Protein backbone atom coordinates (compact mmCIF):
# COMPACT_ATOMS: atom_id res chain seq x y z
CA MET A 1 16.01 17.10 -10.51
CA GLN A 2 18.57 13.39 -10.62
CA ALA A 3 16.61 11.81 -8.72
CA LEU A 4 13.44 12.27 -11.28
CA LEU A 5 16.17 11.60 -13.88
CA ASP A 6 16.78 8.36 -12.61
CA ALA A 7 13.32 7.19 -12.47
CA ILE A 8 12.90 7.92 -15.89
CA HIS A 9 16.08 6.12 -16.78
CA THR A 10 14.57 2.74 -14.98
CA LEU A 11 10.96 3.11 -16.41
CA ALA A 12 9.44 -0.13 -17.66
CA PRO A 13 6.21 -0.09 -19.74
CA ALA A 14 3.30 -1.57 -17.68
CA PRO A 15 -0.08 -1.79 -18.70
CA ASP A 16 -1.88 -0.57 -15.72
CA ALA A 17 -1.75 3.23 -14.40
CA ARG A 18 0.51 3.77 -11.71
CA ARG A 19 2.86 6.71 -10.28
CA ILE A 20 6.68 6.06 -11.29
CA PHE A 21 8.17 8.84 -9.15
CA HIS A 22 6.54 10.77 -5.98
CA GLY A 23 8.62 13.98 -5.11
CA ARG A 24 5.86 15.10 -2.45
CA GLY A 25 6.83 12.08 -0.25
CA GLY A 26 10.10 13.81 0.61
CA LEU A 27 12.47 10.91 -0.06
CA HIS A 28 14.50 13.09 -2.66
CA PRO A 29 15.46 15.99 -1.47
CA GLY A 30 14.94 18.91 -4.33
CA CYS A 31 12.55 17.07 -6.01
CA GLU A 32 9.59 17.95 -3.49
CA HIS A 33 7.52 19.41 -6.54
CA LEU A 34 7.64 16.84 -8.97
CA VAL A 35 5.65 13.99 -9.45
CA LEU A 36 5.53 11.18 -12.43
CA ASP A 37 2.79 9.20 -13.58
CA ALA A 38 1.66 6.56 -16.16
CA TYR A 39 -2.17 6.85 -17.47
CA PRO A 40 -0.98 4.67 -20.37
CA PRO A 41 0.11 5.26 -23.55
CA VAL A 42 0.36 8.79 -21.82
CA PHE A 43 3.36 10.34 -19.26
CA VAL A 44 2.12 12.98 -17.13
CA LEU A 45 4.59 15.52 -15.54
CA THR A 46 2.94 17.33 -12.41
CA SER A 47 5.23 20.22 -11.01
CA PHE A 48 4.16 21.83 -7.79
CA LYS A 49 6.01 25.13 -9.07
CA PRO A 50 7.06 26.68 -12.47
CA LEU A 51 9.80 24.66 -14.15
CA ALA A 52 12.48 26.50 -16.68
CA ASP A 53 12.33 25.76 -20.18
CA GLU A 54 15.49 24.33 -19.75
CA ASP A 55 14.53 21.55 -17.00
CA LEU A 56 11.30 20.42 -18.86
CA GLY A 57 13.32 19.73 -22.30
CA ARG A 58 15.95 17.23 -19.60
CA ILE A 59 13.24 15.62 -18.80
CA GLY A 60 11.81 15.42 -22.44
CA ASP A 61 15.23 14.53 -23.40
CA ALA A 62 15.36 11.46 -20.52
CA LEU A 63 11.73 10.94 -21.69
CA GLN A 64 12.52 10.22 -25.00
CA ALA A 65 15.57 8.08 -24.44
CA ARG A 66 14.37 5.97 -22.36
CA TRP A 67 11.14 5.05 -24.53
CA ALA A 68 13.40 4.73 -27.39
CA GLU A 69 15.13 2.18 -25.71
CA VAL A 70 12.12 0.01 -24.01
CA ALA A 71 9.59 0.64 -26.75
CA PRO A 72 10.97 1.23 -30.04
CA GLY A 73 9.08 2.22 -32.89
CA GLU A 74 6.45 3.08 -30.17
CA PRO A 75 5.49 7.12 -29.82
CA LEU A 76 6.07 8.87 -26.83
CA ASN A 77 3.01 10.78 -25.47
CA TRP A 78 3.92 13.10 -22.32
CA VAL A 79 1.88 16.25 -20.53
CA TYR A 80 3.29 18.55 -18.16
CA GLN A 81 0.83 20.21 -15.62
CA CYS A 82 2.01 22.94 -13.58
CA ARG A 83 0.23 24.09 -10.24
CA HIS A 84 1.34 27.08 -8.39
CA GLU A 85 -0.66 29.48 -6.47
CA GLY A 86 -3.69 27.94 -6.74
CA ARG A 87 -4.01 27.72 -10.48
CA SER A 88 -3.14 24.88 -12.84
CA GLU A 89 -1.83 24.96 -16.59
CA THR A 90 -1.76 21.67 -18.37
CA GLN A 91 0.19 21.19 -22.04
CA LEU A 92 1.22 18.46 -24.37
CA MET A 93 4.61 18.31 -24.86
CA VAL A 94 5.04 15.49 -27.31
CA GLY A 95 2.46 12.75 -29.10
CA ALA A 96 -0.87 12.91 -28.30
CA VAL A 97 -3.71 11.57 -26.02
CA PRO A 98 -6.20 8.97 -27.04
CA ASP A 99 -9.93 10.52 -27.10
CA PRO A 100 -11.50 8.85 -25.09
CA HIS A 101 -8.52 7.63 -22.90
CA VAL A 102 -8.77 4.81 -21.10
CA VAL A 103 -6.55 3.14 -18.58
CA THR A 104 -6.18 -0.12 -16.74
CA GLU A 105 -6.31 -1.39 -13.04
CA ASP A 106 -6.28 -4.81 -12.06
CA GLY A 107 -8.10 -5.74 -15.40
CA ALA A 108 -10.45 -2.87 -14.28
CA ARG A 109 -11.10 -0.09 -17.18
CA TYR A 110 -11.70 3.77 -16.54
CA ARG A 111 -12.12 6.70 -18.23
CA VAL A 112 -9.17 9.43 -18.02
CA HIS A 113 -8.85 12.95 -18.98
CA VAL A 114 -5.36 14.50 -18.43
CA LEU A 115 -5.38 17.58 -20.23
CA ARG A 116 -8.28 19.14 -18.29
CA GLY A 117 -8.24 19.73 -14.29
CA GLN A 118 -6.46 18.70 -11.42
CA ASN A 119 -8.08 15.27 -11.03
CA HIS A 120 -7.90 13.35 -13.80
CA GLY A 121 -10.31 10.48 -13.41
CA LEU A 122 -8.63 7.65 -11.12
CA PHE A 123 -6.71 8.70 -8.23
CA VAL A 124 -3.48 6.15 -8.51
CA ASP A 125 -2.60 6.72 -4.68
CA MET A 126 -5.71 4.46 -3.75
CA ALA A 127 -4.89 1.48 -5.62
CA GLU A 128 -4.23 -0.73 -2.84
CA GLY A 129 -7.43 0.77 -1.07
CA ARG A 130 -9.50 -0.41 -4.66
CA ARG A 131 -7.75 -3.95 -3.75
CA TRP A 132 -8.36 -3.97 -0.22
CA VAL A 133 -12.24 -3.64 -1.32
CA ARG A 134 -12.09 -6.04 -3.88
CA ALA A 135 -10.93 -9.06 -1.67
CA HIS A 136 -12.98 -7.63 1.24
CA VAL A 137 -16.23 -7.99 -1.13
CA ALA A 138 -14.56 -11.52 -2.72
CA ALA A 139 -15.01 -12.88 0.23
CA ARG A 140 -18.85 -11.06 1.04
CA PRO A 141 -20.79 -12.09 -1.88
CA GLY A 142 -23.61 -10.10 -2.46
CA ALA A 143 -22.47 -7.36 0.15
CA ALA A 144 -24.23 -4.14 -0.02
CA VAL A 145 -21.96 -1.27 -0.67
CA LEU A 146 -22.04 2.90 0.28
CA ASN A 147 -19.42 4.78 -1.75
CA LEU A 148 -19.68 8.27 -0.38
CA PHE A 149 -17.88 10.75 -2.22
CA ALA A 150 -17.61 8.47 -4.82
CA TYR A 151 -16.27 10.58 -7.65
CA THR A 152 -15.79 8.21 -11.03
CA CYS A 153 -17.01 5.13 -8.76
CA ALA A 154 -13.58 3.42 -8.84
CA PHE A 155 -14.62 1.91 -5.52
CA SER A 156 -18.31 0.83 -6.85
CA VAL A 157 -16.73 -1.06 -10.02
CA VAL A 158 -14.34 -3.08 -8.31
CA ALA A 159 -17.12 -3.60 -5.54
CA LEU A 160 -19.26 -4.95 -7.85
CA GLN A 161 -16.43 -7.20 -9.82
CA ALA A 162 -16.00 -8.83 -6.90
CA GLY A 163 -19.22 -9.70 -6.58
CA ALA A 164 -21.35 -6.55 -4.58
CA GLY A 165 -25.19 -7.31 -4.54
CA ARG A 166 -25.44 -3.81 -4.88
CA VAL A 167 -23.34 -0.53 -4.39
CA VAL A 168 -24.67 3.06 -3.96
CA ASN A 169 -22.46 6.18 -4.81
CA VAL A 170 -22.88 9.62 -3.53
CA ASP A 171 -21.15 12.47 -5.28
CA MET A 172 -22.35 16.07 -5.26
CA SER A 173 -20.49 16.20 -8.75
CA ALA A 174 -22.87 15.31 -11.58
CA GLY A 175 -19.88 14.89 -13.78
CA ALA A 176 -17.80 12.77 -11.90
CA ILE A 177 -20.96 10.51 -11.77
CA ALA A 178 -21.56 10.62 -15.16
CA ILE A 179 -17.90 9.22 -15.83
CA GLY A 180 -18.56 6.80 -12.89
CA GLN A 181 -21.76 5.65 -15.04
CA GLN A 182 -19.40 5.48 -18.08
CA ASN A 183 -17.09 3.03 -16.07
CA HIS A 184 -19.23 1.31 -15.19
CA ARG A 185 -20.02 0.63 -18.45
CA LEU A 186 -17.13 -0.16 -19.78
CA ASN A 187 -16.78 -3.07 -17.19
CA GLY A 188 -20.01 -4.56 -17.62
CA VAL A 189 -20.81 -3.94 -14.05
CA GLU A 190 -24.33 -1.79 -14.68
CA GLY A 191 -26.60 -4.10 -12.66
CA GLY A 192 -26.74 -3.37 -8.86
CA ALA A 193 -25.39 0.11 -9.37
CA SER A 194 -26.98 3.30 -8.19
CA PHE A 195 -26.17 6.46 -8.70
CA LEU A 196 -27.07 9.79 -6.54
CA PRO A 197 -25.62 13.07 -7.86
CA HIS A 198 -26.49 14.88 -4.40
CA ASP A 199 -24.36 16.55 -1.50
CA LEU A 200 -24.21 14.02 0.90
CA PHE A 201 -25.07 16.30 3.66
CA LYS A 202 -28.78 16.98 2.06
CA THR A 203 -29.45 13.48 1.25
CA TRP A 204 -29.09 11.82 4.55
CA GLY A 205 -32.19 10.29 4.37
CA LYS A 206 -32.07 8.46 1.13
CA VAL A 207 -28.73 7.17 2.35
CA THR A 208 -30.17 6.02 5.55
CA ARG A 209 -33.43 4.29 3.82
CA GLY A 210 -31.21 2.62 1.54
CA GLY A 211 -29.06 0.60 4.45
CA PRO A 212 -28.02 -0.77 6.40
CA TYR A 213 -24.72 -1.62 4.67
CA ASP A 214 -22.31 -4.06 4.92
CA LEU A 215 -19.49 -1.97 3.64
CA VAL A 216 -19.27 1.63 3.94
CA VAL A 217 -16.46 3.67 1.66
CA VAL A 218 -15.24 7.28 2.86
CA ASP A 219 -12.85 9.04 0.72
CA PRO A 220 -13.42 12.80 0.64
CA PRO A 221 -11.60 15.04 -0.89
CA SER A 222 -9.52 16.85 2.80
CA TYR A 223 -10.62 20.52 1.64
CA GLN A 224 -13.06 21.66 -1.37
CA LYS A 225 -14.36 25.07 -0.21
CA GLY A 226 -18.10 24.37 -0.43
CA SER A 227 -18.09 20.74 -0.45
CA PHE A 228 -16.16 19.59 2.38
CA VAL A 229 -13.82 20.44 4.74
CA ALA A 230 -12.28 17.15 6.84
CA THR A 231 -11.04 19.24 9.99
CA LYS A 232 -15.13 20.81 10.67
CA ASP A 233 -17.61 17.81 8.22
CA TYR A 234 -15.40 14.28 9.14
CA ALA A 235 -16.85 14.34 12.15
CA ARG A 236 -20.19 14.43 11.07
CA LEU A 237 -19.66 11.65 8.52
CA MET A 238 -18.28 9.34 11.87
CA ARG A 239 -21.22 9.91 13.63
CA ARG A 240 -23.25 8.60 11.07
CA LEU A 241 -21.41 5.49 10.80
CA PRO A 242 -22.97 2.87 13.27
CA GLU A 243 -26.33 3.71 12.04
CA LEU A 244 -25.27 2.55 7.96
CA LEU A 245 -23.42 -0.48 9.35
CA ALA A 246 -25.52 -3.33 9.49
CA PRO A 247 -23.91 -5.94 11.87
CA GLY A 248 -20.35 -6.95 11.36
CA GLY A 249 -20.19 -4.10 8.54
CA HIS A 250 -17.30 -2.30 8.16
CA ALA A 251 -15.99 1.02 7.11
CA LEU A 252 -13.09 2.05 5.07
CA LEU A 253 -12.32 5.71 6.10
CA CYS A 254 -9.51 7.66 4.10
CA LEU A 255 -7.85 10.67 4.82
CA ASN A 256 -5.56 12.69 2.13
CA ALA A 257 -4.64 15.52 4.28
CA PRO A 258 -0.80 15.71 5.03
CA GLU A 259 -1.03 18.24 7.99
CA LEU A 260 -3.41 15.76 9.20
CA GLY A 261 -2.26 12.87 11.11
CA VAL A 262 -3.71 9.09 12.02
CA ALA A 263 -4.93 10.19 15.18
CA PHE A 264 -7.23 13.05 13.74
CA LEU A 265 -9.28 9.86 12.54
CA GLN A 266 -8.20 7.54 15.58
CA ASP A 267 -8.72 9.90 18.30
CA GLN A 268 -12.00 11.17 17.46
CA MET A 269 -14.01 7.85 16.70
CA PRO A 270 -14.10 6.56 20.58
CA GLU A 271 -16.15 9.61 20.90
CA LEU A 272 -17.95 9.76 17.35
CA ALA A 273 -18.45 6.19 16.69
CA PRO A 274 -17.78 4.13 20.01
CA THR A 275 -18.86 0.92 19.05
CA LEU A 276 -16.77 0.70 15.60
CA GLN A 277 -13.36 -0.94 16.24
CA PHE A 278 -10.42 -0.16 14.22
CA VAL A 279 -9.06 -3.19 12.38
CA GLU A 280 -6.14 -1.84 10.06
CA ARG A 281 -4.38 0.43 8.03
CA VAL A 282 -4.31 -0.32 4.48
CA ALA A 283 -0.58 0.09 3.36
CA ASN A 284 -0.20 2.50 0.17
CA PRO A 285 1.43 1.45 -2.94
CA ALA A 286 5.33 1.17 -2.64
CA ALA A 287 5.63 4.20 -5.51
CA PHE A 288 4.27 6.29 -2.48
CA ALA A 289 6.73 5.97 0.08
CA ASP A 290 6.54 8.84 1.93
CA VAL A 291 9.30 10.30 4.78
CA SER A 292 6.58 10.46 7.22
CA ASP A 293 3.48 8.16 7.69
CA GLU A 294 1.80 10.61 8.82
CA ARG A 295 1.79 13.02 6.11
CA ALA A 296 1.12 10.12 3.80
CA LEU A 297 -2.63 8.77 2.86
CA LYS A 298 -4.10 7.43 5.45
CA VAL A 299 -6.29 4.18 5.13
CA LEU A 300 -8.10 2.69 7.93
CA VAL A 301 -10.71 0.13 8.41
CA TYR A 302 -12.93 -0.18 11.00
CA ALA A 303 -15.60 -2.73 12.08
CA ALA A 304 -19.42 -2.82 13.61
CA PRO A 305 -20.08 -5.11 16.17
CA ALA A 306 -21.09 -8.34 15.31
CA GLY A 307 -25.09 -9.28 15.59
CA ASP A 308 -26.57 -11.49 17.77
């Protein structure tokens, strides 16, 4: 656990939500089950196996000591979540969590909920993907964007802030879409956004009629029973991309499954969508360094051929 304590000892206050320690990347032997995130003003410790009270005490003491150094007079707030054997338990260890709890990233604001569920409302590992979308759309003002598996619609927020003409958000969770609508209001970008709280595979007609799109973002769960299983369903998405994309349009394909490498996407694309060309892999945030690029989050950009 020393690597985590060392990371705490050097942490500094910062305004944006971010990862502080990424044991899951395998670069810190013995800490593979531990991650520490900041959702200001709250720290969230996640362990993928139960922690002894003694270890929790050492972590809490380290956070308290460092916070007293770098933010004297400011209260420490931290939450502990244990995920083990398919279950998760979350508890507030010290301080309080704001309600509503709003965090920032690159000037955008997002609602989060760190005391319930395993997904907190903003995936901090996708920060560079959102920056890519912001830059890409800024260079193409008025772009039409399709945001599949939109969750709380962070990609939509940054696209509209960057000048997108319209964004269609699709996610089968009405609750997530509702938070996404709140995020648009928080950022004053309600105009141009539409929301479809539907199962994508049952609403292709609406999605296709809304096209073609200059950018299609595909960020599905890797395995969510009853919703999406990457090994079975990703191919169904890839096959549809040519008809969804405008000439010269781009697709951002995301895959967060450690057991599936880059080849899972790249080997299928020539067969399923042969007209699309690979452009680049978007780098992950430095805080998410991993022993293997194949295990880490994969974010790939493909482009459709330009028109005549």
